[in-house]
Protein backbone atom coordinates (compact mmCIF):
# COMPACT_ATOMS: atom_id res chain seq x y z
CA MET A 1 -23.40 3.50 2.98
CA ALA A 2 -20.08 5.22 2.41
CA GLY A 3 -17.06 3.15 1.51
CA ARG A 4 -13.68 2.88 3.12
CA LEU A 5 -10.28 3.81 1.82
CA VAL A 6 -7.83 1.30 3.30
CA MET A 7 -4.22 2.38 2.87
CA PHE A 8 -1.25 0.06 3.28
CA THR A 9 2.06 1.86 3.71
CA GLY A 10 5.59 0.84 4.69
CA LEU A 11 8.93 -0.10 3.22
CA PRO A 12 9.26 -2.68 0.45
CA GLY A 13 9.49 -6.26 1.71
CA THR A 14 7.42 -5.75 4.87
CA GLY A 15 4.36 -7.69 3.72
CA LYS A 16 2.13 -4.91 2.39
CA SER A 17 1.02 -6.65 -0.78
CA VAL A 18 0.09 -9.96 0.87
CA LEU A 19 -1.84 -8.16 3.59
CA ALA A 20 -3.48 -5.73 1.15
CA GLU A 21 -4.71 -8.63 -0.99
CA TYR A 22 -6.16 -10.29 2.10
CA ALA A 23 -7.87 -7.03 3.12
CA ALA A 24 -9.41 -6.54 -0.34
CA ARG A 25 -10.79 -10.07 -0.27
CA PHE A 26 -12.03 -9.69 3.30
CA ILE A 27 -13.97 -6.47 2.69
CA GLU A 28 -14.78 -7.45 -0.92
CA CYS A 29 -13.45 -4.41 -2.72
CA SER A 30 -10.97 -3.30 -5.35
CA LEU A 31 -7.23 -3.43 -4.75
CA LEU A 32 -5.00 -0.83 -6.38
CA SER A 33 -1.26 -1.49 -6.31
CA LYS A 34 1.18 1.27 -7.16
CA ASP A 35 3.79 -1.21 -8.43
CA THR A 36 1.29 -2.91 -10.78
CA ILE A 37 0.16 0.45 -12.13
CA GLU A 38 3.72 1.69 -12.62
CA ALA A 39 4.72 -1.56 -14.35
CA SER A 40 1.85 -1.06 -16.80
CA LEU A 41 3.15 2.44 -17.52
CA TRP A 42 6.63 1.04 -18.15
CA ARG A 43 5.18 -1.55 -20.55
CA SER A 44 3.61 1.41 -22.37
CA ASP A 45 6.97 3.18 -22.64
CA VAL A 46 6.25 5.68 -19.85
CA GLY A 47 9.40 5.32 -17.78
CA SER A 48 10.95 6.88 -14.73
CA GLU A 49 12.33 9.70 -16.91
CA GLN A 50 8.66 10.73 -17.41
CA ASN A 51 7.95 10.47 -13.65
CA SER A 52 6.17 7.13 -13.86
CA GLY A 53 6.23 6.89 -10.05
CA TRP A 54 4.23 10.06 -9.53
CA ALA A 55 2.03 9.23 -12.51
CA SER A 56 1.24 5.91 -10.82
CA TYR A 57 0.12 7.72 -7.68
CA GLU A 58 -2.07 10.01 -9.79
CA VAL A 59 -3.69 7.01 -11.50
CA MET A 60 -4.16 5.25 -8.14
CA THR A 61 -5.74 8.33 -6.62
CA THR A 62 -8.06 8.87 -9.58
CA LEU A 63 -9.22 5.25 -9.59
CA ALA A 64 -9.68 5.24 -5.82
CA GLU A 65 -11.78 8.39 -6.03
CA CYS A 66 -14.00 6.74 -8.65
CA GLN A 67 -14.64 3.89 -6.19
CA LEU A 68 -15.36 6.23 -3.29
CA ARG A 69 -17.68 8.36 -5.41
CA LEU A 70 -19.76 5.20 -5.95
CA GLY A 71 -19.82 4.57 -2.21
CA GLN A 72 -17.51 1.58 -2.61
CA SER A 73 -14.42 0.69 -0.65
CA VAL A 74 -10.91 0.45 -2.04
CA VAL A 75 -7.58 -0.88 -0.76
CA LEU A 76 -4.37 0.95 -1.74
CA ASP A 77 -1.05 -0.93 -1.70
CA SER A 78 1.95 1.38 -1.83
CA VAL A 79 5.04 2.46 0.04
CA ALA A 80 3.49 5.96 0.08
CA THR A 81 6.85 7.36 1.11
CA HIS A 82 5.67 10.94 1.58
CA GLU A 83 3.03 12.32 3.91
CA ARG A 84 1.63 14.43 1.05
CA ILE A 85 0.53 11.21 -0.68
CA ARG A 86 -1.13 9.86 2.45
CA SER A 87 -2.77 13.22 3.26
CA THR A 88 -4.21 13.38 -0.27
CA TRP A 89 -5.84 9.99 0.28
CA ARG A 90 -7.02 10.95 3.78
CA ASP A 91 -8.60 14.17 2.45
CA MET A 92 -10.20 12.31 -0.45
CA ALA A 93 -11.84 9.82 1.92
CA LEU A 94 -13.18 12.71 4.01
CA LYS A 95 -14.49 14.48 0.90
CA HIS A 96 -16.53 11.39 -0.03
CA GLY A 97 -17.70 10.57 3.48
CA ALA A 98 -15.61 7.41 3.53
CA SER A 99 -13.65 6.17 6.47
CA PHE A 100 -9.87 6.29 6.17
CA VAL A 101 -8.16 3.17 7.49
CA ALA A 102 -4.36 3.14 7.71
CA ILE A 103 -2.18 0.06 8.07
CA GLU A 104 1.58 0.42 8.29
CA CYS A 105 3.75 -2.62 7.65
CA VAL A 106 7.18 -2.80 9.26
CA CYS A 107 9.94 -5.34 9.82
CA THR A 108 11.95 -4.68 12.96
CA ASP A 109 14.50 -7.44 12.24
CA GLU A 110 16.91 -6.28 9.53
CA MET A 111 18.20 -9.79 8.76
CA LEU A 112 14.66 -11.10 8.32
CA HIS A 113 13.80 -8.07 6.19
CA ARG A 114 16.80 -8.69 3.92
CA THR A 115 15.91 -12.38 3.66
CA ARG A 116 12.27 -11.64 2.81
CA LEU A 117 13.37 -9.21 0.13
CA SER A 118 15.90 -11.58 -1.42
CA GLN A 119 13.37 -14.42 -1.58
CA ARG A 120 10.37 -12.60 -2.94
CA SER A 121 9.04 -12.78 -6.44
CA ARG A 122 6.14 -10.43 -7.12
CA ASN A 123 5.42 -11.75 -10.63
CA ILE A 124 4.36 -8.36 -11.94
CA PRO A 125 4.96 -8.27 -15.71
CA GLY A 126 7.52 -5.58 -16.52
CA TRP A 127 8.45 -4.98 -12.87
CA TYR A 128 11.77 -5.67 -11.23
CA GLU A 129 12.60 -7.04 -7.80
CA ILE A 130 13.90 -4.39 -5.44
CA ASP A 131 17.25 -4.93 -3.71
CA TRP A 132 18.38 -3.95 -0.22
CA SER A 133 20.14 -0.77 -1.36
CA GLN A 134 16.84 0.50 -2.77
CA VAL A 135 15.05 -0.30 0.51
CA ALA A 136 17.74 1.60 2.41
CA ALA A 137 17.35 4.60 0.08
CA THR A 138 13.57 4.50 0.50
CA ARG A 139 13.93 4.27 4.29
CA ASN A 140 16.02 7.47 4.21
CA ARG A 141 13.19 9.29 2.39
CA TYR A 142 10.26 7.65 4.22
CA GLU A 143 8.31 10.23 6.19
CA PRO A 144 6.69 9.03 9.43
CA CYS A 145 3.07 7.99 9.19
CA VAL A 146 1.00 10.37 11.34
CA ASP A 147 -2.32 8.57 11.05
CA GLN A 148 -4.00 6.50 13.69
CA ARG A 149 -3.15 3.09 12.30
CA LEU A 150 -2.62 -0.59 12.79
CA VAL A 151 1.08 -1.46 12.69
CA LEU A 152 1.83 -5.00 11.51
CA ASN A 153 5.34 -6.34 11.97
CA ALA A 154 6.73 -8.97 9.59
CA ILE A 155 8.47 -10.69 12.52
CA THR A 156 4.99 -11.73 13.71
CA PRO A 157 3.66 -14.97 12.20
CA LEU A 158 1.53 -14.27 9.12
CA ASP A 159 -1.59 -15.89 10.59
CA ASP A 160 -1.34 -13.61 13.63
CA ASN A 161 -1.00 -10.54 11.39
CA LEU A 162 -3.98 -11.69 9.29
CA ASN A 163 -6.07 -12.13 12.43
CA ALA A 164 -5.07 -8.68 13.73
CA LEU A 165 -5.87 -7.18 10.33
CA ARG A 166 -9.26 -8.88 10.15
CA ASP A 167 -10.11 -7.68 13.68
CA TYR A 168 -8.98 -4.14 12.85
CA LEU A 169 -10.99 -4.03 9.63
CA SER A 170 -14.04 -5.45 11.38
CA GLY A 171 -13.94 -2.59 13.88
CA ALA A 172 -13.12 0.17 11.37
CA GLN A 173 -16.35 1.46 9.93
């Protein structure tokens, strides 16, 4: 049986990581987080001046492809700001006969979004907490997601989003 590539995309502070962790547990597969990978590069003295962000996407993509080649599923947790990143993952899933499942996380209440961001602590060694100005800059660069997808809004209670995610993943084969 072919695996699934489950992509979480959306601005920082919209709940991607919590939902991606839940998804990986639910479908019992690996979780690859761009921020965790980039933080490990930083700890190894590969910084933004060496394009650690793009390098992180390359590592994520390579590791995801290894999982798909084995017929296993993988969950990707990343802003995935640009369509070219998402299309690479979509094409890779197709190449390996895996289903491509897209989940976009949003927060339609700016005050709630700011509050979520200011209160979060990701606890990723070597990583920093993003501030609102960085979210605004990312939003200006964020290219619309063109995939058929489940959109989860952070204004919705977490349990309701988890239920919607579980139902969506149960139907996405």
